[in-house]
Amino acid sequence: MTDFANLPDGLEPPQDDGAARHLEGRSLPHVSLASTAGGTVDLGALPGLCVLYCYPLTGRPGTSLPGGWNEIPGARGCTPQACAFRDLHKEFVRRGVAHLFGISTQTTAWQKEAAERLHLPFALLSDSSLVLQDMLDLPVMDVDGEALLKRLTMISRDGRIEKVFYPVFPPDRNADEVIAWRDTHS
């Protein structure tokens, strides 16, 4: 069984291919994404400070990861990233973050299992139809013929993207990076 909670040694970091440079300053689109908390979330209607972290996919115990997953730069680490955001959730709230969501192209049913197993205090949102990806031209990787979001984190205020972290590596330190940025950009 694969240990999803820990990053293996020797992972190749992703390179900045420039695929997210266009995002800062853009508005989040009015798109409703299915939520593991039930219902949908309209990203363009979110007031206040919002942190959205995009990730390729979460592994599931008893299910194999795609072939060569560890060799794809930036692919591995979704569970450690989610757990870091979970562990620092109260710090985000204390710093005025009104909304924190993880986003992937996985179905809500798949995400719900991960959210429950990992005891996430925030919802995961599904862009399984790639509507958000298309509207923002989010960077993707092709894995076994499936488009998966590349790992990136956006900070928005009242629907406008203020900061983008891309590429994100190592993923288990991303939540700390976001907090550090927030501390210097009140």
N, C-alpha and C. Protein backbone atom coordinates (compact mmCIF):
# COMPACT_ATOMS: atom_id res chain seq x y z
N MET A 1 0.84 -1.18 0.00
CA MET A 1 0.00 0.00 0.00
C MET A 1 0.89 1.25 0.00
N THR A 2 0.48 2.25 -0.72
CA THR A 2 1.23 3.50 -0.80
C THR A 2 0.93 4.36 0.42
N ASP A 3 1.96 5.01 0.94
CA ASP A 3 1.82 5.94 2.05
C ASP A 3 1.56 7.32 1.46
N PHE A 4 0.30 7.74 1.45
CA PHE A 4 -0.07 9.02 0.85
C PHE A 4 0.31 10.21 1.73
N ALA A 5 0.47 9.96 3.03
CA ALA A 5 0.67 11.06 3.97
C ALA A 5 2.09 11.62 3.95
N ASN A 6 3.04 10.87 3.43
CA ASN A 6 4.43 11.31 3.43
C ASN A 6 4.96 11.40 2.01
N LEU A 7 5.80 12.40 1.79
CA LEU A 7 6.43 12.57 0.49
C LEU A 7 7.68 11.70 0.41
N PRO A 8 7.82 10.93 -0.65
CA PRO A 8 9.04 10.13 -0.80
C PRO A 8 10.24 11.03 -1.11
N ASP A 9 11.42 10.56 -0.77
CA ASP A 9 12.64 11.29 -1.08
C ASP A 9 12.87 11.30 -2.59
N GLY A 10 13.54 12.34 -3.06
CA GLY A 10 13.98 12.39 -4.45
C GLY A 10 12.94 12.83 -5.46
N LEU A 11 11.84 13.42 -5.01
CA LEU A 11 10.85 13.90 -5.98
C LEU A 11 11.44 15.06 -6.78
N GLU A 12 11.19 15.04 -8.07
CA GLU A 12 11.66 16.13 -8.92
C GLU A 12 10.71 17.32 -8.80
N PRO A 13 11.25 18.49 -8.45
CA PRO A 13 10.36 19.65 -8.34
C PRO A 13 9.87 20.10 -9.72
N PRO A 14 8.64 20.61 -9.77
CA PRO A 14 8.14 21.13 -11.04
C PRO A 14 8.84 22.44 -11.38
N GLN A 15 8.94 22.73 -12.65
CA GLN A 15 9.54 23.98 -13.12
C GLN A 15 8.44 24.99 -13.42
N ASP A 16 8.75 26.26 -13.24
CA ASP A 16 7.78 27.30 -13.57
C ASP A 16 7.72 27.45 -15.08
N ASP A 17 6.63 26.96 -15.66
CA ASP A 17 6.46 27.02 -17.11
C ASP A 17 5.70 28.28 -17.54
N GLY A 18 5.41 29.16 -16.59
CA GLY A 18 4.71 30.41 -16.91
C GLY A 18 3.21 30.25 -17.10
N ALA A 19 2.68 29.07 -16.87
CA ALA A 19 1.28 28.79 -17.16
C ALA A 19 0.29 29.44 -16.20
N ALA A 20 0.80 30.09 -15.14
CA ALA A 20 -0.10 30.74 -14.19
C ALA A 20 0.14 32.25 -14.09
N ARG A 21 1.01 32.77 -14.90
CA ARG A 21 1.37 34.20 -14.81
C ARG A 21 0.20 35.14 -15.09
N HIS A 22 -0.76 34.68 -15.84
CA HIS A 22 -1.89 35.52 -16.24
C HIS A 22 -2.97 35.64 -15.16
N LEU A 23 -2.84 34.92 -14.05
CA LEU A 23 -3.93 34.84 -13.08
C LEU A 23 -4.02 36.02 -12.12
N GLU A 24 -2.88 36.54 -11.65
CA GLU A 24 -2.94 37.64 -10.69
C GLU A 24 -3.64 38.84 -11.31
N GLY A 25 -4.58 39.40 -10.55
CA GLY A 25 -5.35 40.55 -11.02
C GLY A 25 -6.66 40.18 -11.69
N ARG A 26 -6.82 38.92 -12.05
CA ARG A 26 -8.07 38.49 -12.68
C ARG A 26 -9.15 38.28 -11.64
N SER A 27 -10.37 38.34 -12.09
CA SER A 27 -11.51 38.05 -11.23
C SER A 27 -11.83 36.57 -11.28
N LEU A 28 -12.23 36.03 -10.15
CA LEU A 28 -12.72 34.65 -10.15
C LEU A 28 -14.04 34.63 -10.91
N PRO A 29 -14.23 33.66 -11.78
CA PRO A 29 -15.48 33.62 -12.55
C PRO A 29 -16.66 33.16 -11.70
N HIS A 30 -17.83 33.54 -12.14
CA HIS A 30 -19.04 33.03 -11.50
C HIS A 30 -19.29 31.64 -12.05
N VAL A 31 -18.74 30.68 -11.34
CA VAL A 31 -18.91 29.27 -11.69
C VAL A 31 -19.21 28.53 -10.41
N SER A 32 -20.22 27.69 -10.46
CA SER A 32 -20.62 26.93 -9.28
C SER A 32 -20.01 25.54 -9.34
N LEU A 33 -19.21 25.23 -8.32
CA LEU A 33 -18.55 23.94 -8.24
C LEU A 33 -19.18 23.12 -7.11
N ALA A 34 -19.37 21.83 -7.38
CA ALA A 34 -19.92 20.93 -6.37
C ALA A 34 -18.97 20.85 -5.18
N SER A 35 -19.55 20.85 -3.98
CA SER A 35 -18.79 20.88 -2.74
C SER A 35 -18.99 19.61 -1.93
N THR A 36 -17.93 19.17 -1.25
CA THR A 36 -18.06 18.01 -0.37
C THR A 36 -18.92 18.34 0.85
N ALA A 37 -19.19 19.61 1.09
CA ALA A 37 -20.08 20.01 2.19
C ALA A 37 -21.55 19.98 1.76
N GLY A 38 -21.79 19.65 0.49
CA GLY A 38 -23.14 19.65 -0.06
C GLY A 38 -23.38 20.91 -0.86
N GLY A 39 -24.21 20.82 -1.86
CA GLY A 39 -24.53 21.96 -2.69
C GLY A 39 -23.36 22.38 -3.57
N THR A 40 -23.37 23.65 -3.93
CA THR A 40 -22.32 24.20 -4.79
C THR A 40 -21.79 25.50 -4.19
N VAL A 41 -20.61 25.89 -4.68
CA VAL A 41 -20.00 27.15 -4.28
C VAL A 41 -19.72 27.95 -5.54
N ASP A 42 -20.23 29.20 -5.57
CA ASP A 42 -19.98 30.12 -6.67
C ASP A 42 -18.73 30.91 -6.33
N LEU A 43 -17.61 30.59 -6.96
CA LEU A 43 -16.34 31.22 -6.63
C LEU A 43 -16.37 32.74 -6.84
N GLY A 44 -17.04 33.20 -7.86
CA GLY A 44 -17.09 34.63 -8.16
C GLY A 44 -17.90 35.42 -7.15
N ALA A 45 -18.68 34.75 -6.33
CA ALA A 45 -19.53 35.43 -5.35
C ALA A 45 -18.95 35.38 -3.94
N LEU A 46 -17.75 34.84 -3.78
CA LEU A 46 -17.17 34.71 -2.44
C LEU A 46 -16.66 36.06 -1.94
N PRO A 47 -17.22 36.55 -0.84
CA PRO A 47 -16.74 37.82 -0.28
C PRO A 47 -15.51 37.60 0.59
N GLY A 48 -14.76 38.67 0.79
CA GLY A 48 -13.63 38.62 1.70
C GLY A 48 -12.43 37.90 1.14
N LEU A 49 -11.56 37.49 2.06
CA LEU A 49 -10.31 36.83 1.72
C LEU A 49 -10.55 35.34 1.53
N CYS A 50 -10.04 34.80 0.44
CA CYS A 50 -10.28 33.41 0.08
C CYS A 50 -8.96 32.76 -0.35
N VAL A 51 -8.74 31.53 0.09
CA VAL A 51 -7.59 30.73 -0.34
C VAL A 51 -8.12 29.51 -1.08
N LEU A 52 -7.69 29.36 -2.31
CA LEU A 52 -8.07 28.22 -3.15
C LEU A 52 -6.80 27.48 -3.56
N TYR A 53 -6.68 26.25 -3.11
CA TYR A 53 -5.52 25.49 -3.56
C TYR A 53 -5.98 24.40 -4.52
N CYS A 54 -5.36 24.38 -5.67
CA CYS A 54 -5.68 23.39 -6.70
C CYS A 54 -4.65 22.28 -6.64
N TYR A 55 -5.10 21.06 -6.85
CA TYR A 55 -4.22 19.90 -6.76
C TYR A 55 -4.65 18.86 -7.79
N PRO A 56 -3.73 17.97 -8.20
CA PRO A 56 -4.06 17.00 -9.24
C PRO A 56 -5.08 15.95 -8.80
N LEU A 57 -4.79 15.20 -7.75
CA LEU A 57 -5.73 14.19 -7.25
C LEU A 57 -5.27 13.65 -5.92
N THR A 58 -6.22 13.23 -5.12
CA THR A 58 -5.88 12.58 -3.86
C THR A 58 -5.90 11.08 -4.05
N GLY A 59 -4.91 10.42 -3.48
CA GLY A 59 -4.90 8.96 -3.49
C GLY A 59 -5.92 8.43 -2.50
N ARG A 60 -6.25 7.18 -2.68
CA ARG A 60 -7.22 6.52 -1.81
C ARG A 60 -6.63 5.18 -1.40
N PRO A 61 -6.65 4.87 -0.11
CA PRO A 61 -6.13 3.57 0.33
C PRO A 61 -6.78 2.43 -0.45
N GLY A 62 -5.94 1.50 -0.89
CA GLY A 62 -6.43 0.35 -1.65
C GLY A 62 -6.55 0.60 -3.14
N THR A 63 -6.29 1.81 -3.58
CA THR A 63 -6.37 2.15 -5.00
C THR A 63 -5.00 2.66 -5.44
N SER A 64 -4.51 2.12 -6.53
CA SER A 64 -3.19 2.53 -7.01
C SER A 64 -3.23 3.92 -7.62
N LEU A 65 -2.12 4.63 -7.44
CA LEU A 65 -1.94 5.91 -8.11
C LEU A 65 -1.65 5.64 -9.59
N PRO A 66 -1.85 6.62 -10.46
CA PRO A 66 -1.51 6.41 -11.87
C PRO A 66 -0.05 5.97 -12.02
N GLY A 67 0.21 5.18 -13.05
CA GLY A 67 1.57 4.70 -13.30
C GLY A 67 2.56 5.84 -13.43
N GLY A 68 3.70 5.71 -12.75
CA GLY A 68 4.75 6.72 -12.83
C GLY A 68 4.43 8.01 -12.09
N TRP A 69 3.46 7.97 -11.18
CA TRP A 69 3.00 9.18 -10.48
C TRP A 69 4.15 9.92 -9.80
N ASN A 70 5.03 9.19 -9.13
CA ASN A 70 6.14 9.84 -8.43
C ASN A 70 7.14 10.50 -9.37
N GLU A 71 7.16 10.09 -10.63
CA GLU A 71 8.10 10.65 -11.60
C GLU A 71 7.57 11.88 -12.31
N ILE A 72 6.30 12.20 -12.13
CA ILE A 72 5.71 13.39 -12.75
C ILE A 72 5.99 14.57 -11.83
N PRO A 73 6.80 15.54 -12.26
CA PRO A 73 7.12 16.68 -11.39
C PRO A 73 5.85 17.41 -10.92
N GLY A 74 5.72 17.52 -9.61
CA GLY A 74 4.59 18.24 -9.04
C GLY A 74 3.34 17.41 -8.81
N ALA A 75 3.33 16.15 -9.19
CA ALA A 75 2.13 15.35 -9.05
C ALA A 75 1.92 14.88 -7.61
N ARG A 76 2.95 14.36 -7.01
CA ARG A 76 2.83 13.74 -5.69
C ARG A 76 2.73 14.78 -4.59
N GLY A 77 1.88 14.52 -3.60
CA GLY A 77 1.83 15.37 -2.43
C GLY A 77 0.49 16.00 -2.10
N CYS A 78 -0.59 15.52 -2.70
CA CYS A 78 -1.90 16.12 -2.46
C CYS A 78 -2.37 15.91 -1.02
N THR A 79 -2.15 14.73 -0.49
CA THR A 79 -2.56 14.46 0.89
C THR A 79 -1.74 15.28 1.88
N PRO A 80 -0.40 15.32 1.77
CA PRO A 80 0.35 16.18 2.69
C PRO A 80 -0.04 17.66 2.58
N GLN A 81 -0.36 18.12 1.38
CA GLN A 81 -0.78 19.51 1.21
C GLN A 81 -2.11 19.74 1.91
N ALA A 82 -3.08 18.87 1.70
CA ALA A 82 -4.39 19.01 2.35
C ALA A 82 -4.25 18.96 3.87
N CYS A 83 -3.40 18.06 4.36
CA CYS A 83 -3.22 17.94 5.82
C CYS A 83 -2.56 19.19 6.40
N ALA A 84 -1.66 19.81 5.65
CA ALA A 84 -1.03 21.05 6.13
C ALA A 84 -2.06 22.17 6.22
N PHE A 85 -2.93 22.28 5.21
CA PHE A 85 -4.00 23.28 5.29
C PHE A 85 -4.96 22.96 6.44
N ARG A 86 -5.24 21.68 6.65
CA ARG A 86 -6.08 21.26 7.77
C ARG A 86 -5.44 21.68 9.10
N ASP A 87 -4.17 21.37 9.25
CA ASP A 87 -3.49 21.62 10.52
C ASP A 87 -3.37 23.12 10.83
N LEU A 88 -3.35 23.94 9.80
CA LEU A 88 -3.22 25.39 10.00
C LEU A 88 -4.55 26.14 9.81
N HIS A 89 -5.63 25.41 9.68
CA HIS A 89 -6.93 26.02 9.40
C HIS A 89 -7.27 27.14 10.39
N LYS A 90 -7.07 26.91 11.67
CA LYS A 90 -7.37 27.94 12.67
C LYS A 90 -6.50 29.17 12.48
N GLU A 91 -5.28 28.99 12.01
CA GLU A 91 -4.40 30.13 11.75
C GLU A 91 -4.92 30.95 10.57
N PHE A 92 -5.46 30.28 9.57
CA PHE A 92 -6.05 31.01 8.44
C PHE A 92 -7.25 31.83 8.91
N VAL A 93 -8.11 31.22 9.71
CA VAL A 93 -9.28 31.93 10.23
C VAL A 93 -8.82 33.12 11.07
N ARG A 94 -7.83 32.90 11.92
CA ARG A 94 -7.32 33.98 12.78
C ARG A 94 -6.78 35.14 11.95
N ARG A 95 -6.30 34.85 10.75
CA ARG A 95 -5.74 35.89 9.88
C ARG A 95 -6.78 36.46 8.91
N GLY A 96 -8.04 36.17 9.14
CA GLY A 96 -9.10 36.78 8.37
C GLY A 96 -9.49 36.06 7.09
N VAL A 97 -9.02 34.84 6.88
CA VAL A 97 -9.41 34.10 5.68
C VAL A 97 -10.85 33.61 5.89
N ALA A 98 -11.74 34.10 5.06
CA ALA A 98 -13.16 33.77 5.17
C ALA A 98 -13.50 32.43 4.54
N HIS A 99 -12.74 32.05 3.50
CA HIS A 99 -13.04 30.82 2.76
C HIS A 99 -11.74 30.13 2.40
N LEU A 100 -11.69 28.82 2.62
CA LEU A 100 -10.55 27.99 2.23
C LEU A 100 -11.11 26.75 1.56
N PHE A 101 -10.68 26.50 0.33
CA PHE A 101 -11.16 25.34 -0.41
C PHE A 101 -10.01 24.68 -1.15
N GLY A 102 -10.07 23.36 -1.27
CA GLY A 102 -9.22 22.62 -2.17
C GLY A 102 -10.02 22.32 -3.43
N ILE A 103 -9.37 22.35 -4.59
CA ILE A 103 -10.06 22.13 -5.87
C ILE A 103 -9.28 21.13 -6.70
N SER A 104 -9.99 20.13 -7.23
CA SER A 104 -9.39 19.19 -8.17
C SER A 104 -10.42 18.82 -9.23
N THR A 105 -10.00 18.03 -10.18
CA THR A 105 -10.91 17.56 -11.22
C THR A 105 -11.57 16.24 -10.85
N GLN A 106 -11.31 15.75 -9.65
CA GLN A 106 -11.94 14.52 -9.20
C GLN A 106 -13.42 14.76 -8.89
N THR A 107 -14.19 13.70 -8.91
CA THR A 107 -15.61 13.83 -8.59
C THR A 107 -15.81 14.15 -7.12
N THR A 108 -16.95 14.71 -6.80
CA THR A 108 -17.27 15.04 -5.42
C THR A 108 -17.29 13.79 -4.55
N ALA A 109 -17.78 12.68 -5.07
CA ALA A 109 -17.80 11.43 -4.29
C ALA A 109 -16.38 11.01 -3.92
N TRP A 110 -15.45 11.10 -4.86
CA TRP A 110 -14.06 10.75 -4.58
C TRP A 110 -13.47 11.72 -3.54
N GLN A 111 -13.73 13.00 -3.74
CA GLN A 111 -13.22 14.02 -2.82
C GLN A 111 -13.81 13.86 -1.42
N LYS A 112 -15.08 13.49 -1.35
CA LYS A 112 -15.75 13.36 -0.05
C LYS A 112 -15.07 12.29 0.80
N GLU A 113 -14.67 11.20 0.17
CA GLU A 113 -13.96 10.15 0.92
C GLU A 113 -12.68 10.72 1.51
N ALA A 114 -11.93 11.49 0.72
CA ALA A 114 -10.67 12.08 1.20
C ALA A 114 -10.94 13.10 2.30
N ALA A 115 -11.94 13.95 2.12
CA ALA A 115 -12.25 14.98 3.12
C ALA A 115 -12.61 14.34 4.46
N GLU A 116 -13.36 13.27 4.42
CA GLU A 116 -13.75 12.58 5.66
C GLU A 116 -12.57 11.84 6.28
N ARG A 117 -11.82 11.11 5.45
CA ARG A 117 -10.68 10.34 5.96
C ARG A 117 -9.62 11.24 6.56
N LEU A 118 -9.40 12.41 5.95
CA LEU A 118 -8.37 13.33 6.42
C LEU A 118 -8.90 14.33 7.45
N HIS A 119 -10.20 14.27 7.77
CA HIS A 119 -10.82 15.16 8.76
C HIS A 119 -10.59 16.63 8.40
N LEU A 120 -10.87 16.97 7.14
CA LEU A 120 -10.66 18.34 6.69
C LEU A 120 -11.77 19.24 7.22
N PRO A 121 -11.42 20.38 7.82
CA PRO A 121 -12.42 21.32 8.34
C PRO A 121 -12.91 22.29 7.27
N PHE A 122 -12.59 22.04 6.04
CA PHE A 122 -13.01 22.86 4.90
C PHE A 122 -13.45 21.92 3.79
N ALA A 123 -14.18 22.46 2.84
CA ALA A 123 -14.72 21.65 1.75
C ALA A 123 -13.72 21.54 0.60
N LEU A 124 -13.85 20.46 -0.13
CA LEU A 124 -13.16 20.29 -1.41
C LEU A 124 -14.19 20.54 -2.50
N LEU A 125 -13.75 21.18 -3.58
CA LEU A 125 -14.65 21.51 -4.69
C LEU A 125 -14.22 20.74 -5.93
N SER A 126 -15.21 20.29 -6.69
CA SER A 126 -14.94 19.50 -7.88
C SER A 126 -15.09 20.32 -9.16
N ASP A 127 -14.04 20.31 -9.96
CA ASP A 127 -14.08 20.89 -11.30
C ASP A 127 -13.96 19.75 -12.31
N SER A 128 -14.76 18.70 -12.09
CA SER A 128 -14.66 17.50 -12.92
C SER A 128 -15.00 17.77 -14.39
N SER A 129 -15.78 18.81 -14.65
CA SER A 129 -16.11 19.14 -16.04
C SER A 129 -15.13 20.17 -16.62
N LEU A 130 -14.12 20.56 -15.85
CA LEU A 130 -13.07 21.49 -16.28
C LEU A 130 -13.60 22.88 -16.65
N VAL A 131 -14.71 23.28 -16.08
CA VAL A 131 -15.29 24.60 -16.38
C VAL A 131 -14.40 25.70 -15.79
N LEU A 132 -14.03 25.58 -14.52
CA LEU A 132 -13.15 26.57 -13.92
C LEU A 132 -11.80 26.57 -14.63
N GLN A 133 -11.29 25.40 -14.89
CA GLN A 133 -10.00 25.30 -15.58
C GLN A 133 -10.05 26.05 -16.90
N ASP A 134 -11.12 25.88 -17.65
CA ASP A 134 -11.27 26.54 -18.94
C ASP A 134 -11.44 28.05 -18.79
N MET A 135 -12.25 28.47 -17.83
CA MET A 135 -12.54 29.90 -17.67
C MET A 135 -11.31 30.69 -17.22
N LEU A 136 -10.46 30.08 -16.39
CA LEU A 136 -9.25 30.76 -15.93
C LEU A 136 -7.99 30.31 -16.66
N ASP A 137 -8.14 29.33 -17.55
CA ASP A 137 -6.99 28.75 -18.25
C ASP A 137 -5.95 28.28 -17.23
N LEU A 138 -6.43 27.50 -16.26
CA LEU A 138 -5.54 26.94 -15.24
C LEU A 138 -4.64 25.89 -15.86
N PRO A 139 -3.39 25.81 -15.42
CA PRO A 139 -2.48 24.82 -15.98
C PRO A 139 -2.89 23.40 -15.61
N VAL A 140 -2.76 22.50 -16.58
CA VAL A 140 -3.10 21.09 -16.37
C VAL A 140 -1.95 20.21 -16.82
N MET A 141 -2.00 18.97 -16.31
CA MET A 141 -1.09 17.93 -16.77
C MET A 141 -1.95 16.80 -17.31
N ASP A 142 -1.47 16.14 -18.33
CA ASP A 142 -2.17 15.00 -18.89
C ASP A 142 -1.58 13.74 -18.28
N VAL A 143 -2.42 12.99 -17.59
CA VAL A 143 -1.98 11.74 -16.97
C VAL A 143 -2.92 10.64 -17.43
N ASP A 144 -2.38 9.72 -18.18
CA ASP A 144 -3.17 8.60 -18.71
C ASP A 144 -4.40 9.08 -19.46
N GLY A 145 -4.25 10.17 -20.22
CA GLY A 145 -5.34 10.70 -21.03
C GLY A 145 -6.34 11.54 -20.26
N GLU A 146 -6.06 11.82 -19.01
CA GLU A 146 -6.97 12.62 -18.19
C GLU A 146 -6.30 13.94 -17.82
N ALA A 147 -7.05 15.04 -17.96
CA ALA A 147 -6.53 16.37 -17.60
C ALA A 147 -6.68 16.56 -16.10
N LEU A 148 -5.54 16.77 -15.42
CA LEU A 148 -5.52 17.02 -13.98
C LEU A 148 -4.93 18.40 -13.74
N LEU A 149 -5.48 19.12 -12.79
CA LEU A 149 -4.95 20.45 -12.46
C LEU A 149 -3.54 20.33 -11.92
N LYS A 150 -2.68 21.23 -12.37
CA LYS A 150 -1.36 21.33 -11.76
C LYS A 150 -1.54 22.04 -10.42
N ARG A 151 -0.66 21.75 -9.51
CA ARG A 151 -0.75 22.30 -8.17
C ARG A 151 -0.45 23.81 -8.18
N LEU A 152 -1.41 24.59 -7.70
CA LEU A 152 -1.22 26.03 -7.53
C LEU A 152 -2.17 26.51 -6.44
N THR A 153 -1.85 27.64 -5.85
CA THR A 153 -2.71 28.21 -4.82
C THR A 153 -2.96 29.67 -5.15
N MET A 154 -4.24 30.05 -5.09
CA MET A 154 -4.64 31.43 -5.36
C MET A 154 -5.21 32.05 -4.09
N ILE A 155 -4.84 33.29 -3.85
CA ILE A 155 -5.44 34.08 -2.78
C ILE A 155 -6.25 35.18 -3.45
N SER A 156 -7.52 35.25 -3.09
CA SER A 156 -8.37 36.29 -3.67
C SER A 156 -9.01 37.13 -2.57
N ARG A 157 -9.34 38.35 -2.92
CA ARG A 157 -10.07 39.24 -2.02
C ARG A 157 -11.26 39.78 -2.80
N ASP A 158 -12.45 39.49 -2.27
CA ASP A 158 -13.70 39.92 -2.92
C ASP A 158 -13.72 39.55 -4.40
N GLY A 159 -13.25 38.34 -4.69
CA GLY A 159 -13.32 37.80 -6.05
C GLY A 159 -12.18 38.14 -6.98
N ARG A 160 -11.22 38.96 -6.55
CA ARG A 160 -10.08 39.31 -7.39
C ARG A 160 -8.84 38.59 -6.87
N ILE A 161 -8.13 37.90 -7.78
CA ILE A 161 -6.95 37.13 -7.41
C ILE A 161 -5.79 38.09 -7.14
N GLU A 162 -5.29 38.05 -5.89
CA GLU A 162 -4.19 38.92 -5.49
C GLU A 162 -2.83 38.24 -5.59
N LYS A 163 -2.78 36.95 -5.34
CA LYS A 163 -1.50 36.24 -5.30
C LYS A 163 -1.70 34.82 -5.80
N VAL A 164 -0.71 34.34 -6.56
CA VAL A 164 -0.71 32.96 -7.03
C VAL A 164 0.62 32.34 -6.66
N PHE A 165 0.56 31.18 -6.04
CA PHE A 165 1.74 30.38 -5.75
C PHE A 165 1.80 29.30 -6.82
N TYR A 166 2.84 29.34 -7.65
CA TYR A 166 2.98 28.38 -8.75
C TYR A 166 4.41 28.41 -9.24
N PRO A 167 5.05 27.29 -9.43
CA PRO A 167 4.60 25.98 -8.99
C PRO A 167 4.72 25.86 -7.48
N VAL A 168 4.01 24.93 -6.92
CA VAL A 168 4.03 24.68 -5.48
C VAL A 168 4.89 23.45 -5.23
N PHE A 169 5.97 23.66 -4.47
CA PHE A 169 6.84 22.52 -4.10
C PHE A 169 7.73 22.93 -2.95
N PRO A 170 7.89 22.10 -1.98
CA PRO A 170 7.12 20.88 -1.73
C PRO A 170 5.71 21.23 -1.25
N PRO A 171 4.76 20.41 -1.60
CA PRO A 171 3.36 20.74 -1.31
C PRO A 171 3.02 20.80 0.17
N ASP A 172 3.75 20.07 1.00
CA ASP A 172 3.44 20.08 2.43
C ASP A 172 3.85 21.39 3.11
N ARG A 173 4.55 22.26 2.41
CA ARG A 173 4.95 23.56 2.97
C ARG A 173 4.12 24.71 2.42
N ASN A 174 3.20 24.42 1.51
CA ASN A 174 2.42 25.47 0.86
C ASN A 174 1.56 26.27 1.84
N ALA A 175 0.92 25.60 2.78
CA ALA A 175 0.08 26.32 3.75
C ALA A 175 0.91 27.31 4.55
N ASP A 176 2.12 26.91 4.96
CA ASP A 176 3.02 27.82 5.67
C ASP A 176 3.39 29.02 4.81
N GLU A 177 3.64 28.79 3.51
CA GLU A 177 3.98 29.88 2.59
C GLU A 177 2.83 30.87 2.46
N VAL A 178 1.62 30.35 2.40
CA VAL A 178 0.44 31.22 2.28
C VAL A 178 0.29 32.06 3.54
N ILE A 179 0.46 31.45 4.70
CA ILE A 179 0.37 32.19 5.98
C ILE A 179 1.45 33.27 6.03
N ALA A 180 2.67 32.93 5.63
CA ALA A 180 3.77 33.91 5.65
C ALA A 180 3.44 35.09 4.72
N TRP A 181 2.89 34.80 3.53
CA TRP A 181 2.51 35.86 2.61
C TRP A 181 1.42 36.73 3.23
N ARG A 182 0.44 36.09 3.83
CA ARG A 182 -0.68 36.81 4.44
C ARG A 182 -0.18 37.73 5.57
N ASP A 183 0.79 37.26 6.32
CA ASP A 183 1.33 38.06 7.43
C ASP A 183 2.01 39.33 6.95
N THR A 184 2.50 39.33 5.73
CA THR A 184 3.18 40.52 5.20
C THR A 184 2.32 41.33 4.23
N HIS A 185 1.08 40.86 3.98
CA HIS A 185 0.16 41.54 3.06
C HIS A 185 -1.22 41.66 3.67
N SER A 186 -1.32 42.37 4.76
CA SER A 186 -2.63 42.52 5.43
C SER A 186 -3.55 43.40 4.67
